[in-house]
């Protein structure tokens, strides 16, 4: 299996990496779903919606301020750093992350689509402009734009569509890539859950990295089970060794 995966990586022309909550969990960040997202008896599904924000922006922002406080203490782990190494090793590379925590960006990665947005970025509800807001805790809740309108987290809420530009970038690369590494994602959130099958249908090679089998396992050409912080550096090592041999 090691040689098979290493050979495929060594011959890859365009590498696509997709990451989900699993890689951030290894940095100590909870998923904020179910009981992990419980805050003052609210669930994430009750707060991360346009309706909740319209009804009570202060409560929604207090929840995000709590989340940002937790995420702000986390650091990119060995898995995040290995993905940055992979970017440096390929001329054609893209990372699509479902995570909104901004940890990938802190590694200096350049070619990335944050398909669900970024918790540290805010969007004006009136003008649609975006900016970074790094204050923890927030100076005022809810925060407001210079124009006086409310700011909202620049993330995709339940019931909202992924921004067109992000989707177009993702679909374009899915058609081009010949190898896909899927890391720490459950394989049940669409449209990302459909990406491995699309790559496979186009003749690409799919590598799954997860702590346990997922629906992606039946599609993957290779499934590597364990922590991404252990497996991804190993993939980088295999690739470097294989390139030295050729």
C-alpha atoms as a PDB file:
ATOM      1  CA  UNK A   1       0.000   0.000   0.000  1.00  0.00           C
ATOM      2  CA  UNK A   2       2.786   2.436   0.898  1.00  0.00           C
ATOM      3  CA  UNK A   3       4.524   2.035  -2.458  1.00  0.00           C
ATOM      4  CA  UNK A   4       1.224   2.185  -4.323  1.00  0.00           C
ATOM      5  CA  UNK A   5       0.236   5.482  -2.693  1.00  0.00           C
ATOM      6  CA  UNK A   6       3.757   6.914  -2.976  1.00  0.00           C
ATOM      7  CA  UNK A   7       3.969   5.981  -6.662  1.00  0.00           C
ATOM      8  CA  UNK A   8       0.677   7.664  -7.352  1.00  0.00           C
ATOM      9  CA  UNK A   9       1.654  10.825  -5.487  1.00  0.00           C
ATOM     10  CA  UNK A  10       4.978  10.946  -7.305  1.00  0.00           C
ATOM     11  CA  UNK A  11       3.229  10.830 -10.684  1.00  0.00           C
ATOM     12  CA  UNK A  12       0.522  13.351  -9.752  1.00  0.00           C
ATOM     13  CA  UNK A  13       0.222  16.430 -11.950  1.00  0.00           C
ATOM     14  CA  UNK A  14      -2.508  18.254  -9.992  1.00  0.00           C
ATOM     15  CA  UNK A  15      -3.092  17.529  -6.308  1.00  0.00           C
ATOM     16  CA  UNK A  16      -6.337  18.467  -4.592  1.00  0.00           C
ATOM     17  CA  UNK A  17      -6.688  18.205  -0.800  1.00  0.00           C
ATOM     18  CA  UNK A  18     -10.030  18.457   1.006  1.00  0.00           C
ATOM     19  CA  UNK A  19     -10.149  18.847   4.785  1.00  0.00           C
ATOM     20  CA  UNK A  20     -12.948  18.658   7.335  1.00  0.00           C
ATOM     21  CA  UNK A  21     -13.406  18.983  11.071  1.00  0.00           C
ATOM     22  CA  UNK A  22     -11.213  15.967  11.857  1.00  0.00           C
ATOM     23  CA  UNK A  23      -7.955  17.778  11.183  1.00  0.00           C
ATOM     24  CA  UNK A  24      -8.950  20.686  13.446  1.00  0.00           C
ATOM     25  CA  UNK A  25     -10.049  18.301  16.198  1.00  0.00           C
ATOM     26  CA  UNK A  26      -6.383  17.306  16.525  1.00  0.00           C
ATOM     27  CA  UNK A  27      -5.651  20.944  17.432  1.00  0.00           C
ATOM     28  CA  UNK A  28      -8.220  20.737  20.210  1.00  0.00           C
ATOM     29  CA  UNK A  29     -11.062  22.435  18.347  1.00  0.00           C
ATOM     30  CA  UNK A  30     -14.469  20.825  18.934  1.00  0.00           C
ATOM     31  CA  UNK A  31     -16.869  20.351  16.041  1.00  0.00           C
ATOM     32  CA  UNK A  32     -19.432  22.688  17.632  1.00  0.00           C
ATOM     33  CA  UNK A  33     -22.113  20.258  16.495  1.00  0.00           C
ATOM     34  CA  UNK A  34     -24.437  18.400  18.860  1.00  0.00           C
ATOM     35  CA  UNK A  35     -23.367  18.548  22.516  1.00  0.00           C
ATOM     36  CA  UNK A  36     -19.964  20.004  21.576  1.00  0.00           C
ATOM     37  CA  UNK A  37     -21.724  23.099  20.275  1.00  0.00           C
ATOM     38  CA  UNK A  38     -24.024  23.462  23.253  1.00  0.00           C
ATOM     39  CA  UNK A  39     -23.813  26.977  24.665  1.00  0.00           C
ATOM     40  CA  UNK A  40     -26.263  28.273  27.273  1.00  0.00           C
ATOM     41  CA  UNK A  41     -28.668  25.495  26.210  1.00  0.00           C
ATOM     42  CA  UNK A  42     -28.529  26.596  22.568  1.00  0.00           C
ATOM     43  CA  UNK A  43     -27.392  24.209  19.856  1.00  0.00           C
ATOM     44  CA  UNK A  44     -25.340  25.300  16.851  1.00  0.00           C
ATOM     45  CA  UNK A  45     -28.245  24.455  14.576  1.00  0.00           C
ATOM     46  CA  UNK A  46     -30.364  27.011  16.444  1.00  0.00           C
ATOM     47  CA  UNK A  47     -27.820  29.830  16.234  1.00  0.00           C
ATOM     48  CA  UNK A  48     -25.995  29.421  12.920  1.00  0.00           C
ATOM     49  CA  UNK A  49     -28.938  30.473  10.761  1.00  0.00           C
ATOM     50  CA  UNK A  50     -29.987  33.688   9.004  1.00  0.00           C
ATOM     51  CA  UNK A  51     -33.269  33.562  10.925  1.00  0.00           C
ATOM     52  CA  UNK A  52     -31.537  33.457  14.322  1.00  0.00           C
ATOM     53  CA  UNK A  53     -29.299  36.377  13.358  1.00  0.00           C
ATOM     54  CA  UNK A  54     -32.239  38.451  12.140  1.00  0.00           C
ATOM     55  CA  UNK A  55     -34.142  37.701  15.342  1.00  0.00           C
ATOM     56  CA  UNK A  56     -31.327  38.105  17.893  1.00  0.00           C
ATOM     57  CA  UNK A  57     -27.950  39.178  16.471  1.00  0.00           C
ATOM     58  CA  UNK A  58     -26.541  39.855  19.945  1.00  0.00           C
ATOM     59  CA  UNK A  59     -27.022  36.263  21.132  1.00  0.00           C
ATOM     60  CA  UNK A  60     -25.662  34.848  17.877  1.00  0.00           C
ATOM     61  CA  UNK A  61     -22.574  37.021  18.134  1.00  0.00           C
ATOM     62  CA  UNK A  62     -22.027  36.109  21.786  1.00  0.00           C
ATOM     63  CA  UNK A  63     -21.941  32.457  20.712  1.00  0.00           C
ATOM     64  CA  UNK A  64     -19.438  33.230  17.964  1.00  0.00           C
ATOM     65  CA  UNK A  65     -17.360  35.270  20.401  1.00  0.00           C
ATOM     66  CA  UNK A  66     -17.232  32.172  22.651  1.00  0.00           C
ATOM     67  CA  UNK A  67     -16.222  29.998  19.698  1.00  0.00           C
ATOM     68  CA  UNK A  68     -13.561  32.447  18.569  1.00  0.00           C
ATOM     69  CA  UNK A  69     -12.123  32.433  22.086  1.00  0.00           C
ATOM     70  CA  UNK A  70     -11.676  28.662  21.917  1.00  0.00           C
ATOM     71  CA  UNK A  71     -10.335  28.628  18.361  1.00  0.00           C
ATOM     72  CA  UNK A  72      -7.964  31.521  19.015  1.00  0.00           C
ATOM     73  CA  UNK A  73      -6.018  29.405  21.505  1.00  0.00           C
ATOM     74  CA  UNK A  74      -5.468  26.575  19.000  1.00  0.00           C
ATOM     75  CA  UNK A  75      -2.405  26.140  16.800  1.00  0.00           C
ATOM     76  CA  UNK A  76      -1.974  24.458  13.400  1.00  0.00           C
ATOM     77  CA  UNK A  77      -0.914  20.856  13.969  1.00  0.00           C
ATOM     78  CA  UNK A  78       1.413  18.527  12.072  1.00  0.00           C
ATOM     79  CA  UNK A  79      -1.375  17.713   9.616  1.00  0.00           C
ATOM     80  CA  UNK A  80      -1.896  21.372   8.699  1.00  0.00           C
ATOM     81  CA  UNK A  81       1.859  21.841   8.284  1.00  0.00           C
ATOM     82  CA  UNK A  82       2.162  18.732   6.102  1.00  0.00           C
ATOM     83  CA  UNK A  83      -0.506  20.087   3.749  1.00  0.00           C
ATOM     84  CA  UNK A  84       1.521  23.278   3.398  1.00  0.00           C
ATOM     85  CA  UNK A  85       4.520  21.082   2.519  1.00  0.00           C
ATOM     86  CA  UNK A  86       2.451  19.315  -0.122  1.00  0.00           C
ATOM     87  CA  UNK A  87       1.562  22.676  -1.646  1.00  0.00           C
ATOM     88  CA  UNK A  88       5.271  23.470  -1.887  1.00  0.00           C
ATOM     89  CA  UNK A  89       5.952  20.118  -3.584  1.00  0.00           C
ATOM     90  CA  UNK A  90       3.430  20.506  -6.412  1.00  0.00           C
ATOM     91  CA  UNK A  91       3.193  23.095  -9.178  1.00  0.00           C
ATOM     92  CA  UNK A  92      -0.563  22.530  -9.381  1.00  0.00           C
ATOM     93  CA  UNK A  93      -2.247  22.345  -5.991  1.00  0.00           C
ATOM     94  CA  UNK A  94      -5.445  23.411  -4.272  1.00  0.00           C
ATOM     95  CA  UNK A  95      -6.777  22.977  -0.750  1.00  0.00           C
ATOM     96  CA  UNK A  96     -10.537  23.031  -0.226  1.00  0.00           C
ATOM     97  CA  UNK A  97     -11.367  23.231   3.464  1.00  0.00           C
ATOM     98  CA  UNK A  98     -14.764  22.951   5.090  1.00  0.00           C
ATOM     99  CA  UNK A  99     -13.312  24.424   8.281  1.00  0.00           C
ATOM    100  CA  UNK A 100     -13.939  28.035   9.258  1.00  0.00           C
ATOM    101  CA  UNK A 101     -11.245  28.246  11.966  1.00  0.00           C
ATOM    102  CA  UNK A 102      -8.516  29.803   9.810  1.00  0.00           C
ATOM    103  CA  UNK A 103      -5.812  27.352  10.957  1.00  0.00           C
ATOM    104  CA  UNK A 104      -4.773  26.450   7.403  1.00  0.00           C
ATOM    105  CA  UNK A 105      -4.209  30.110   6.595  1.00  0.00           C
ATOM    106  CA  UNK A 106      -1.862  30.436   9.544  1.00  0.00           C
ATOM    107  CA  UNK A 107       0.533  27.951   7.904  1.00  0.00           C
ATOM    108  CA  UNK A 108       1.054  30.389   5.034  1.00  0.00           C
ATOM    109  CA  UNK A 109      -0.776  28.282   2.485  1.00  0.00           C
ATOM    110  CA  UNK A 110      -1.563  30.231  -0.675  1.00  0.00           C
ATOM    111  CA  UNK A 111      -3.853  28.096  -2.843  1.00  0.00           C
ATOM    112  CA  UNK A 112      -6.941  27.573  -0.722  1.00  0.00           C
ATOM    113  CA  UNK A 113     -10.716  27.797  -0.931  1.00  0.00           C
ATOM    114  CA  UNK A 114     -12.477  28.149   2.432  1.00  0.00           C
ATOM    115  CA  UNK A 115     -15.730  26.779   1.072  1.00  0.00           C
ATOM    116  CA  UNK A 116     -17.728  27.445   4.250  1.00  0.00           C
ATOM    117  CA  UNK A 117     -16.094  30.803   4.996  1.00  0.00           C
ATOM    118  CA  UNK A 118     -13.851  32.046   7.797  1.00  0.00           C
ATOM    119  CA  UNK A 119     -14.829  32.757  11.394  1.00  0.00           C
ATOM    120  CA  UNK A 120     -12.322  35.620  11.612  1.00  0.00           C
ATOM    121  CA  UNK A 121     -13.788  37.421   8.608  1.00  0.00           C
ATOM    122  CA  UNK A 122     -16.931  39.549   8.823  1.00  0.00           C
ATOM    123  CA  UNK A 123     -19.352  40.780   6.200  1.00  0.00           C
ATOM    124  CA  UNK A 124     -21.406  43.959   6.178  1.00  0.00           C
ATOM    125  CA  UNK A 125     -25.091  43.063   6.062  1.00  0.00           C
ATOM    126  CA  UNK A 126     -25.819  46.157   3.989  1.00  0.00           C
ATOM    127  CA  UNK A 127     -22.925  46.597   1.563  1.00  0.00           C
ATOM    128  CA  UNK A 128     -21.611  43.018   1.439  1.00  0.00           C
ATOM    129  CA  UNK A 129     -17.993  44.100   1.961  1.00  0.00           C
ATOM    130  CA  UNK A 130     -15.721  41.815   3.974  1.00  0.00           C
ATOM    131  CA  UNK A 131     -12.861  42.442   6.383  1.00  0.00           C
ATOM    132  CA  UNK A 132     -10.939  40.622   9.090  1.00  0.00           C
ATOM    133  CA  UNK A 133     -12.001  41.067  12.714  1.00  0.00           C
ATOM    134  CA  UNK A 134      -9.483  39.481  15.066  1.00  0.00           C
ATOM    135  CA  UNK A 135     -10.599  40.968  18.412  1.00  0.00           C
ATOM    136  CA  UNK A 136     -11.118  38.375  21.156  1.00  0.00           C
ATOM    137  CA  UNK A 137     -13.260  39.133  23.001  1.00  0.00           C
ATOM    138  CA  UNK A 138     -15.159  41.463  20.707  1.00  0.00           C
ATOM    139  CA  UNK A 139     -15.120  45.124  21.736  1.00  0.00           C
ATOM    140  CA  UNK A 140     -18.841  45.448  21.087  1.00  0.00           C
ATOM    141  CA  UNK A 141     -21.573  42.866  20.566  1.00  0.00           C
ATOM    142  CA  UNK A 142     -22.947  42.804  17.967  1.00  0.00           C
ATOM    143  CA  UNK A 143     -20.147  44.505  15.978  1.00  0.00           C
ATOM    144  CA  UNK A 144     -21.083  47.122  13.410  1.00  0.00           C
ATOM    145  CA  UNK A 145     -19.625  48.283  10.117  1.00  0.00           C
ATOM    146  CA  UNK A 146     -18.318  51.827   9.631  1.00  0.00           C
ATOM    147  CA  UNK A 147     -21.500  52.474   7.641  1.00  0.00           C
ATOM    148  CA  UNK A 148     -23.546  51.662  10.751  1.00  0.00           C
ATOM    149  CA  UNK A 149     -24.972  48.358   9.541  1.00  0.00           C
ATOM    150  CA  UNK A 150     -24.554  45.117  11.459  1.00  0.00           C
ATOM    151  CA  UNK A 151     -21.604  42.876  10.689  1.00  0.00           C
ATOM    152  CA  UNK A 152     -22.130  39.116  10.462  1.00  0.00           C
ATOM    153  CA  UNK A 153     -19.596  36.279  10.448  1.00  0.00           C
ATOM    154  CA  UNK A 154     -18.531  35.577   6.864  1.00  0.00           C
ATOM    155  CA  UNK A 155     -19.483  31.910   7.098  1.00  0.00           C
ATOM    156  CA  UNK A 156     -22.091  29.728   5.434  1.00  0.00           C
ATOM    157  CA  UNK A 157     -25.001  29.222   7.793  1.00  0.00           C
ATOM    158  CA  UNK A 158     -27.519  26.404   7.796  1.00  0.00           C
ATOM    159  CA  UNK A 159     -29.943  27.007   4.937  1.00  0.00           C
ATOM    160  CA  UNK A 160     -27.502  29.207   2.985  1.00  0.00           C
ATOM    161  CA  UNK A 161     -25.770  28.371  -0.278  1.00  0.00           C
ATOM    162  CA  UNK A 162     -22.014  28.209  -0.721  1.00  0.00           C
ATOM    163  CA  UNK A 163     -20.809  31.384  -2.497  1.00  0.00           C
ATOM    164  CA  UNK A 164     -20.755  30.970  -6.268  1.00  0.00           C
ATOM    165  CA  UNK A 165     -17.091  31.950  -6.648  1.00  0.00           C
ATOM    166  CA  UNK A 166     -15.956  29.336  -4.122  1.00  0.00           C
ATOM    167  CA  UNK A 167     -18.055  26.631  -5.769  1.00  0.00           C
ATOM    168  CA  UNK A 168     -16.823  27.508  -9.246  1.00  0.00           C
ATOM    169  CA  UNK A 169     -13.194  27.339  -8.090  1.00  0.00           C
ATOM    170  CA  UNK A 170     -13.824  23.952  -6.476  1.00  0.00           C
ATOM    171  CA  UNK A 171     -15.608  22.426  -9.463  1.00  0.00           C
ATOM    172  CA  UNK A 172     -12.965  23.686 -11.876  1.00  0.00           C
ATOM    173  CA  UNK A 173     -10.168  21.980  -9.941  1.00  0.00           C
ATOM    174  CA  UNK A 174     -12.169  18.787  -9.422  1.00  0.00           C
ATOM    175  CA  UNK A 175     -12.264  18.423 -13.206  1.00  0.00           C
ATOM    176  CA  UNK A 176      -8.503  19.031 -13.474  1.00  0.00           C
ATOM    177  CA  UNK A 177      -6.975  17.126 -10.567  1.00  0.00           C
ATOM    178  CA  UNK A 178      -5.667  13.585 -10.946  1.00  0.00           C
ATOM    179  CA  UNK A 179      -5.172  12.868  -7.221  1.00  0.00           C
ATOM    180  CA  UNK A 180      -7.401  13.810  -4.299  1.00  0.00           C
ATOM    181  CA  UNK A 181      -6.536  13.467  -0.603  1.00  0.00           C
ATOM    182  CA  UNK A 182      -9.605  13.701   1.653  1.00  0.00           C
ATOM    183  CA  UNK A 183      -8.747  14.421   5.296  1.00  0.00           C
ATOM    184  CA  UNK A 184     -10.949  14.271   8.383  1.00  0.00           C
ATOM    185  CA  UNK A 185     -14.329  14.702   6.744  1.00  0.00           C
ATOM    186  CA  UNK A 186     -17.442  12.664   7.433  1.00  0.00           C
ATOM    187  CA  UNK A 187     -18.407  12.475   3.786  1.00  0.00           C
ATOM    188  CA  UNK A 188     -22.025  13.419   4.434  1.00  0.00           C
ATOM    189  CA  UNK A 189     -22.063  17.208   3.874  1.00  0.00           C
ATOM    190  CA  UNK A 190     -22.855  18.137   0.280  1.00  0.00           C
ATOM    191  CA  UNK A 191     -21.671  19.221  -2.189  1.00  0.00           C
ATOM    192  CA  UNK A 192     -18.211  18.330  -0.821  1.00  0.00           C
ATOM    193  CA  UNK A 193     -19.328  14.742  -0.164  1.00  0.00           C
ATOM    194  CA  UNK A 194     -19.795  14.270  -3.913  1.00  0.00           C
ATOM    195  CA  UNK A 195     -16.296  15.447  -4.862  1.00  0.00           C
ATOM    196  CA  UNK A 196     -14.444  12.113  -4.328  1.00  0.00           C
ATOM    197  CA  UNK A 197     -16.843  10.255  -6.625  1.00  0.00           C
ATOM    198  CA  UNK A 198     -16.497  12.969  -9.272  1.00  0.00           C
ATOM    199  CA  UNK A 199     -12.708  12.722  -9.170  1.00  0.00           C
ATOM    200  CA  UNK A 200     -12.961   8.922  -9.388  1.00  0.00           C
ATOM    201  CA  UNK A 201     -15.342   9.133 -12.355  1.00  0.00           C
ATOM    202  CA  UNK A 202     -12.805  11.335 -14.122  1.00  0.00           C
ATOM    203  CA  UNK A 203     -10.098   8.698 -13.681  1.00  0.00           C
ATOM    204  CA  UNK A 204      -8.466  10.273 -10.630  1.00  0.00           C
ATOM    205  CA  UNK A 205      -6.971   8.556  -7.591  1.00  0.00           C
ATOM    206  CA  UNK A 206      -8.630   9.112  -4.208  1.00  0.00           C
ATOM    207  CA  UNK A 207      -6.773   8.804  -0.884  1.00  0.00           C
ATOM    208  CA  UNK A 208      -8.788   8.948   2.325  1.00  0.00           C
ATOM    209  CA  UNK A 209      -7.199   9.925   5.651  1.00  0.00           C
ATOM    210  CA  UNK A 210      -9.489   9.504   8.651  1.00  0.00           C
ATOM    211  CA  UNK A 211      -9.630   7.991  12.117  1.00  0.00           C
ATOM    212  CA  UNK A 212     -12.380   5.592  11.006  1.00  0.00           C
ATOM    213  CA  UNK A 213     -14.193   4.427   7.858  1.00  0.00           C
ATOM    214  CA  UNK A 214     -16.671   6.857   6.279  1.00  0.00           C
ATOM    215  CA  UNK A 215     -18.945   6.790   3.213  1.00  0.00           C
ATOM    216  CA  UNK A 216     -15.871   7.951   1.261  1.00  0.00           C
ATOM    217  CA  UNK A 217     -14.105   4.668   2.084  1.00  0.00           C
ATOM    218  CA  UNK A 218     -16.099   2.813  -0.571  1.00  0.00           C
ATOM    219  CA  UNK A 219     -14.921   5.290  -3.204  1.00  0.00           C
ATOM    220  CA  UNK A 220     -11.302   5.674  -2.091  1.00  0.00           C
ATOM    221  CA  UNK A 221      -8.477   3.842  -3.844  1.00  0.00           C
ATOM    222  CA  UNK A 222      -6.539   3.925  -0.568  1.00  0.00           C
ATOM    223  CA  UNK A 223      -7.830   4.501   2.963  1.00  0.00           C
ATOM    224  CA  UNK A 224      -5.288   5.363   5.649  1.00  0.00           C
ATOM    225  CA  UNK A 225      -6.784   5.213   9.129  1.00  0.00           C
ATOM    226  CA  UNK A 226      -5.320   7.178  12.016  1.00  0.00           C
ATOM    227  CA  UNK A 227      -4.629  10.769  13.022  1.00  0.00           C
ATOM    228  CA  UNK A 228      -3.945  13.117  10.134  1.00  0.00           C
ATOM    229  CA  UNK A 229      -1.105  14.611  12.179  1.00  0.00           C
ATOM    230  CA  UNK A 230       0.657  11.251  11.885  1.00  0.00           C
ATOM    231  CA  UNK A 231      -0.403  10.156   8.402  1.00  0.00           C
ATOM    232  CA  UNK A 232       0.036  13.353   6.384  1.00  0.00           C
ATOM    233  CA  UNK A 233       3.693  13.895   7.412  1.00  0.00           C
ATOM    234  CA  UNK A 234       4.234  10.243   6.481  1.00  0.00           C
ATOM    235  CA  UNK A 235       2.760  10.883   3.023  1.00  0.00           C
ATOM    236  CA  UNK A 236       5.134  13.820   2.583  1.00  0.00           C
ATOM    237  CA  UNK A 237       8.039  11.583   3.599  1.00  0.00           C
ATOM    238  CA  UNK A 238       6.987   8.841   1.144  1.00  0.00           C
ATOM    239  CA  UNK A 239       6.681  11.396  -1.651  1.00  0.00           C
ATOM    240  CA  UNK A 240      10.101  12.913  -1.006  1.00  0.00           C
ATOM    241  CA  UNK A 241      11.714   9.462  -0.907  1.00  0.00           C
ATOM    242  CA  UNK A 242      10.003   8.394  -4.124  1.00  0.00           C
ATOM    243  CA  UNK A 243      11.124  11.526  -5.934  1.00  0.00           C
ATOM    244  CA  UNK A 244      14.707  10.959  -4.800  1.00  0.00           C
ATOM    245  CA  UNK A 245      14.591   7.470  -6.274  1.00  0.00           C
ATOM    246  CA  UNK A 246      13.554   8.669  -9.729  1.00  0.00           C
END
